[in-house]
Amino acid sequence: MHFTISDFLLDLVQNSVEAGASRIELEVHEDDHEIRVSIADNGKGMDAATQKRVVDPFYTDGTKHRHRKVGLGIPFLIHALEQAGGTYSLVSAPGEGTTLGFSFPAGHLDTPPMGDLSGLFLAILCFDGDYELVIRRSHTGRSVNYELTRGELREVLGDFTDAGALILARQFLESQEA
């Protein structure tokens, strides 16, 4: 179930990795008025018919999870956005990739909490695969503004399968949010 914005982002970035993207850019911005997110990838992309179908909770392409008969990530996100008066956009083309953007009003009662961004960022950095992940994070109210890449972190910390590297990565991510 998706209880936080971080839950949605985990699912959506996993979609990009599973779509064969070699580059994924995640931007998360907060200010007094809105929470704005963009996920852009250069994965396999979708044609117009598929874009219409991904909003249906009973649609799945059947290739990522062969036994799964539903695809709930985007439909759950759209439902949450509708409840809170948010917006979303989906732009995709076969062979070019996909960009999904959405925004929630910051003060709305039905806007989900952000969740554990440091934990989210660590989890998506550790997805299996050969991809570059660029994370851009800003929060104007807390003067948070940083950019990091998976490649740079791996170069400094080593493989994310090492417990020591994971601890250092988590500490670094938490320090960026502080």
C-alpha atoms as a PDB file:
ATOM      1  CA  MET A   1       0.000   0.000   0.000  1.00  0.00           C
ATOM      2  CA  HIS A   2       1.120   3.561  -0.628  1.00  0.00           C
ATOM      3  CA  PHE A   3       0.972   5.622   2.552  1.00  0.00           C
ATOM      4  CA  THR A   4       3.592   8.259   1.752  1.00  0.00           C
ATOM      5  CA  ILE A   5       4.895  10.088  -1.290  1.00  0.00           C
ATOM      6  CA  SER A   6       8.099   8.093  -0.826  1.00  0.00           C
ATOM      7  CA  ASP A   7       6.084   4.885  -1.345  1.00  0.00           C
ATOM      8  CA  PHE A   8       4.841   6.197  -4.698  1.00  0.00           C
ATOM      9  CA  LEU A   9       8.353   7.210  -5.720  1.00  0.00           C
ATOM     10  CA  LEU A  10       9.814   3.804  -4.867  1.00  0.00           C
ATOM     11  CA  ASP A  11       7.276   2.135  -7.146  1.00  0.00           C
ATOM     12  CA  LEU A  12       7.693   4.667  -9.972  1.00  0.00           C
ATOM     13  CA  VAL A  13      11.496   4.581 -10.020  1.00  0.00           C
ATOM     14  CA  GLN A  14      11.342   0.777  -9.978  1.00  0.00           C
ATOM     15  CA  ASN A  15       9.155   1.040 -13.106  1.00  0.00           C
ATOM     16  CA  SER A  16      11.921   3.053 -14.792  1.00  0.00           C
ATOM     17  CA  VAL A  17      14.592   0.518 -13.852  1.00  0.00           C
ATOM     18  CA  GLU A  18      12.414  -2.353 -15.072  1.00  0.00           C
ATOM     19  CA  ALA A  19      11.736  -0.479 -18.333  1.00  0.00           C
ATOM     20  CA  GLY A  20      15.442  -0.770 -19.103  1.00  0.00           C
ATOM     21  CA  ALA A  21      16.369   2.860 -18.461  1.00  0.00           C
ATOM     22  CA  SER A  22      20.085   3.585 -18.377  1.00  0.00           C
ATOM     23  CA  ARG A  23      19.448   7.077 -16.984  1.00  0.00           C
ATOM     24  CA  ILE A  24      16.786   8.109 -14.480  1.00  0.00           C
ATOM     25  CA  GLU A  25      16.375  11.633 -13.146  1.00  0.00           C
ATOM     26  CA  LEU A  26      14.318  12.181 -10.010  1.00  0.00           C
ATOM     27  CA  GLU A  27      13.509  15.688  -8.848  1.00  0.00           C
ATOM     28  CA  VAL A  28      11.742  16.330  -5.548  1.00  0.00           C
ATOM     29  CA  HIS A  29      10.915  19.916  -4.634  1.00  0.00           C
ATOM     30  CA  GLU A  30       8.980  21.237  -1.660  1.00  0.00           C
ATOM     31  CA  ASP A  31       7.954  24.761  -0.738  1.00  0.00           C
ATOM     32  CA  ASP A  32       5.201  26.352   1.322  1.00  0.00           C
ATOM     33  CA  HIS A  33       2.611  25.748  -1.396  1.00  0.00           C
ATOM     34  CA  GLU A  34       3.357  22.457  -3.101  1.00  0.00           C
ATOM     35  CA  ILE A  35       5.308  19.226  -3.312  1.00  0.00           C
ATOM     36  CA  ARG A  36       6.462  18.771  -6.899  1.00  0.00           C
ATOM     37  CA  VAL A  37       8.050  15.615  -8.312  1.00  0.00           C
ATOM     38  CA  SER A  38       9.384  14.631 -11.717  1.00  0.00           C
ATOM     39  CA  ILE A  39      10.740  11.252 -12.807  1.00  0.00           C
ATOM     40  CA  ALA A  40      12.301  11.145 -16.268  1.00  0.00           C
ATOM     41  CA  ASP A  41      13.930   8.105 -17.838  1.00  0.00           C
ATOM     42  CA  ASN A  42      15.264   6.913 -21.164  1.00  0.00           C
ATOM     43  CA  GLY A  43      13.642   3.485 -20.880  1.00  0.00           C
ATOM     44  CA  LYS A  44      11.540   1.698 -23.456  1.00  0.00           C
ATOM     45  CA  GLY A  45       8.736   4.289 -23.333  1.00  0.00           C
ATOM     46  CA  MET A  46       5.059   3.768 -24.086  1.00  0.00           C
ATOM     47  CA  ASP A  47       2.816   4.374 -27.062  1.00  0.00           C
ATOM     48  CA  ALA A  48      -0.399   6.401 -26.705  1.00  0.00           C
ATOM     49  CA  ALA A  49      -2.563   3.303 -26.183  1.00  0.00           C
ATOM     50  CA  THR A  50      -0.343   2.022 -23.358  1.00  0.00           C
ATOM     51  CA  GLN A  51      -0.301   5.463 -21.715  1.00  0.00           C
ATOM     52  CA  LYS A  52      -4.099   5.362 -21.557  1.00  0.00           C
ATOM     53  CA  ARG A  53      -4.048   1.864 -20.087  1.00  0.00           C
ATOM     54  CA  VAL A  54      -1.488   2.460 -17.286  1.00  0.00           C
ATOM     55  CA  VAL A  55      -4.067   4.493 -15.369  1.00  0.00           C
ATOM     56  CA  ASP A  56      -6.266   1.372 -15.183  1.00  0.00           C
ATOM     57  CA  PRO A  57      -5.530  -0.626 -12.009  1.00  0.00           C
ATOM     58  CA  PHE A  58      -6.439  -3.858 -13.810  1.00  0.00           C
ATOM     59  CA  TYR A  59      -3.801  -3.377 -16.499  1.00  0.00           C
ATOM     60  CA  THR A  60      -0.264  -4.687 -16.387  1.00  0.00           C
ATOM     61  CA  ASP A  61       2.057  -5.306 -19.298  1.00  0.00           C
ATOM     62  CA  GLY A  62       2.616  -8.860 -18.038  1.00  0.00           C
ATOM     63  CA  THR A  63       6.365  -8.758 -18.607  1.00  0.00           C
ATOM     64  CA  LYS A  64       7.714  -7.331 -15.340  1.00  0.00           C
ATOM     65  CA  HIS A  65       5.672  -9.535 -13.045  1.00  0.00           C
ATOM     66  CA  ARG A  66       4.290 -12.477 -14.968  1.00  0.00           C
ATOM     67  CA  HIS A  67       1.925 -13.646 -12.224  1.00  0.00           C
ATOM     68  CA  ARG A  68       0.589 -10.199 -11.366  1.00  0.00           C
ATOM     69  CA  LYS A  69      -2.744  -9.251 -12.912  1.00  0.00           C
ATOM     70  CA  VAL A  70      -2.856  -5.630 -11.766  1.00  0.00           C
ATOM     71  CA  GLY A  71      -0.595  -2.584 -11.891  1.00  0.00           C
ATOM     72  CA  LEU A  72      -1.503  -0.286  -9.037  1.00  0.00           C
ATOM     73  CA  GLY A  73       1.328   2.259  -8.726  1.00  0.00           C
ATOM     74  CA  ILE A  74       0.103   4.926 -11.137  1.00  0.00           C
ATOM     75  CA  PRO A  75      -3.633   4.391 -10.415  1.00  0.00           C
ATOM     76  CA  PHE A  76      -2.996   4.742  -6.649  1.00  0.00           C
ATOM     77  CA  LEU A  77      -0.985   7.903  -7.292  1.00  0.00           C
ATOM     78  CA  ILE A  78      -3.739   9.392  -9.459  1.00  0.00           C
ATOM     79  CA  HIS A  79      -6.330   8.562  -6.820  1.00  0.00           C
ATOM     80  CA  ALA A  80      -4.258  10.262  -4.095  1.00  0.00           C
ATOM     81  CA  LEU A  81      -3.718  13.295  -6.328  1.00  0.00           C
ATOM     82  CA  GLU A  82      -7.441  13.571  -7.041  1.00  0.00           C
ATOM     83  CA  GLN A  83      -8.247  13.380  -3.320  1.00  0.00           C
ATOM     84  CA  ALA A  84      -5.821  16.204  -2.530  1.00  0.00           C
ATOM     85  CA  GLY A  85      -6.457  18.388  -5.588  1.00  0.00           C
ATOM     86  CA  GLY A  86      -3.058  17.653  -7.110  1.00  0.00           C
ATOM     87  CA  THR A  87      -2.035  17.309 -10.724  1.00  0.00           C
ATOM     88  CA  TYR A  88      -0.010  14.912 -12.854  1.00  0.00           C
ATOM     89  CA  SER A  89       1.349  14.626 -16.361  1.00  0.00           C
ATOM     90  CA  LEU A  90       2.662  11.656 -18.309  1.00  0.00           C
ATOM     91  CA  VAL A  91       4.735  12.054 -21.462  1.00  0.00           C
ATOM     92  CA  SER A  92       6.197   9.013 -23.160  1.00  0.00           C
ATOM     93  CA  ALA A  93       7.295   7.748 -26.537  1.00  0.00           C
ATOM     94  CA  PRO A  94       8.437   4.265 -27.559  1.00  0.00           C
ATOM     95  CA  GLY A  95      12.208   4.042 -27.603  1.00  0.00           C
ATOM     96  CA  GLU A  96      12.620   7.487 -26.024  1.00  0.00           C
ATOM     97  CA  GLY A  97      11.514   7.056 -22.431  1.00  0.00           C
ATOM     98  CA  THR A  98       8.947   8.426 -20.044  1.00  0.00           C
ATOM     99  CA  THR A  99       8.527  11.521 -17.917  1.00  0.00           C
ATOM    100  CA  LEU A 100       5.980  11.469 -15.112  1.00  0.00           C
ATOM    101  CA  GLY A 101       5.406  14.614 -13.115  1.00  0.00           C
ATOM    102  CA  PHE A 102       3.026  15.302 -10.281  1.00  0.00           C
ATOM    103  CA  SER A 103       2.343  17.825  -7.559  1.00  0.00           C
ATOM    104  CA  PHE A 104       0.417  17.825  -4.325  1.00  0.00           C
ATOM    105  CA  PRO A 105      -0.727  20.962  -2.516  1.00  0.00           C
ATOM    106  CA  ALA A 106       1.551  21.189   0.532  1.00  0.00           C
ATOM    107  CA  GLY A 107      -1.077  22.070   3.115  1.00  0.00           C
ATOM    108  CA  HIS A 108      -3.978  19.915   1.970  1.00  0.00           C
ATOM    109  CA  LEU A 109      -5.416  17.494   4.506  1.00  0.00           C
ATOM    110  CA  ASP A 110      -5.347  14.625   1.999  1.00  0.00           C
ATOM    111  CA  THR A 111      -1.775  15.177   0.806  1.00  0.00           C
ATOM    112  CA  PRO A 112       0.230  12.153   1.945  1.00  0.00           C
ATOM    113  CA  PRO A 113       3.267  12.780   4.142  1.00  0.00           C
ATOM    114  CA  MET A 114       6.627  12.800   2.390  1.00  0.00           C
ATOM    115  CA  GLY A 115       7.923   9.774   4.276  1.00  0.00           C
ATOM    116  CA  ASP A 116      11.537   8.775   4.736  1.00  0.00           C
ATOM    117  CA  LEU A 117      13.322  10.376   1.779  1.00  0.00           C
ATOM    118  CA  SER A 118      16.761   9.266   2.926  1.00  0.00           C
ATOM    119  CA  GLY A 119      15.558   5.669   3.112  1.00  0.00           C
ATOM    120  CA  LEU A 120      13.819   6.010  -0.252  1.00  0.00           C
ATOM    121  CA  PHE A 121      16.912   7.424  -1.943  1.00  0.00           C
ATOM    122  CA  LEU A 122      19.061   4.645  -0.501  1.00  0.00           C
ATOM    123  CA  ALA A 123      16.598   1.979  -1.678  1.00  0.00           C
ATOM    124  CA  ILE A 124      16.413   3.281  -5.245  1.00  0.00           C
ATOM    125  CA  LEU A 125      20.195   3.658  -5.409  1.00  0.00           C
ATOM    126  CA  CYS A 126      20.421  -0.055  -4.589  1.00  0.00           C
ATOM    127  CA  PHE A 127      18.044  -1.382  -7.248  1.00  0.00           C
ATOM    128  CA  ASP A 128      19.817  -4.028  -9.287  1.00  0.00           C
ATOM    129  CA  GLY A 129      20.858  -2.980 -12.764  1.00  0.00           C
ATOM    130  CA  ASP A 130      23.199  -0.855 -14.788  1.00  0.00           C
ATOM    131  CA  TYR A 131      21.661   2.618 -14.672  1.00  0.00           C
ATOM    132  CA  GLU A 132      22.636   6.115 -13.665  1.00  0.00           C
ATOM    133  CA  LEU A 133      20.316   7.744 -11.173  1.00  0.00           C
ATOM    134  CA  VAL A 134      20.386  11.491 -10.676  1.00  0.00           C
ATOM    135  CA  ILE A 135      18.560  12.821  -7.618  1.00  0.00           C
ATOM    136  CA  ARG A 136      17.807  16.528  -7.326  1.00  0.00           C
ATOM    137  CA  ARG A 137      16.266  17.596  -4.047  1.00  0.00           C
ATOM    138  CA  SER A 138      15.182  21.014  -2.855  1.00  0.00           C
ATOM    139  CA  HIS A 139      13.078  22.340  -0.017  1.00  0.00           C
ATOM    140  CA  THR A 140      12.896  26.120   0.071  1.00  0.00           C
ATOM    141  CA  GLY A 141      11.470  26.292   3.591  1.00  0.00           C
ATOM    142  CA  ARG A 142      14.392  24.341   5.074  1.00  0.00           C
ATOM    143  CA  SER A 143      17.139  25.593   2.733  1.00  0.00           C
ATOM    144  CA  VAL A 144      17.777  22.067   1.451  1.00  0.00           C
ATOM    145  CA  ASN A 145      19.259  21.917  -2.032  1.00  0.00           C
ATOM    146  CA  TYR A 146      21.445  19.114  -3.364  1.00  0.00           C
ATOM    147  CA  GLU A 147      22.115  16.864  -6.323  1.00  0.00           C
ATOM    148  CA  LEU A 148      23.707  13.445  -6.235  1.00  0.00           C
ATOM    149  CA  THR A 149      24.322  10.663  -8.684  1.00  0.00           C
ATOM    150  CA  ARG A 150      24.493   6.926  -8.222  1.00  0.00           C
ATOM    151  CA  GLY A 151      27.780   6.755 -10.115  1.00  0.00           C
ATOM    152  CA  GLU A 152      29.519   9.298  -7.870  1.00  0.00           C
ATOM    153  CA  LEU A 153      28.324   7.600  -4.702  1.00  0.00           C
ATOM    154  CA  ARG A 154      29.460   4.185  -5.945  1.00  0.00           C
ATOM    155  CA  GLU A 155      32.816   5.636  -6.928  1.00  0.00           C
ATOM    156  CA  VAL A 156      33.351   7.011  -3.419  1.00  0.00           C
ATOM    157  CA  LEU A 157      31.663   4.303  -1.337  1.00  0.00           C
ATOM    158  CA  GLY A 158      32.044   1.187  -3.454  1.00  0.00           C
ATOM    159  CA  ASP A 159      29.432  -1.420  -4.226  1.00  0.00           C
ATOM    160  CA  PHE A 160      26.078  -0.988  -2.488  1.00  0.00           C
ATOM    161  CA  THR A 161      26.109  -4.650  -1.455  1.00  0.00           C
ATOM    162  CA  ASP A 162      28.684  -3.841   1.242  1.00  0.00           C
ATOM    163  CA  ALA A 163      27.098  -3.088   4.643  1.00  0.00           C
ATOM    164  CA  GLY A 164      29.674  -0.411   5.418  1.00  0.00           C
ATOM    165  CA  ALA A 165      28.939   1.378   2.147  1.00  0.00           C
ATOM    166  CA  LEU A 166      25.206   1.260   2.879  1.00  0.00           C
ATOM    167  CA  ILE A 167      25.702   2.746   6.348  1.00  0.00           C
ATOM    168  CA  LEU A 168      27.856   5.558   4.966  1.00  0.00           C
ATOM    169  CA  ALA A 169      25.389   6.224   2.148  1.00  0.00           C
ATOM    170  CA  ARG A 170      22.504   6.412   4.624  1.00  0.00           C
ATOM    171  CA  GLN A 171      24.445   8.798   6.881  1.00  0.00           C
ATOM    172  CA  PHE A 172      25.322  10.976   3.905  1.00  0.00           C
ATOM    173  CA  LEU A 173      21.716  11.092   2.684  1.00  0.00           C
ATOM    174  CA  GLU A 174      20.447  11.943   6.158  1.00  0.00           C
ATOM    175  CA  SER A 175      23.023  14.740   6.450  1.00  0.00           C
ATOM    176  CA  GLN A 176      21.740  16.250   3.179  1.00  0.00           C
ATOM    177  CA  GLU A 177      18.200  16.331   4.544  1.00  0.00           C
ATOM    178  CA  ALA A 178      19.221  17.829   7.914  1.00  0.00           C
END
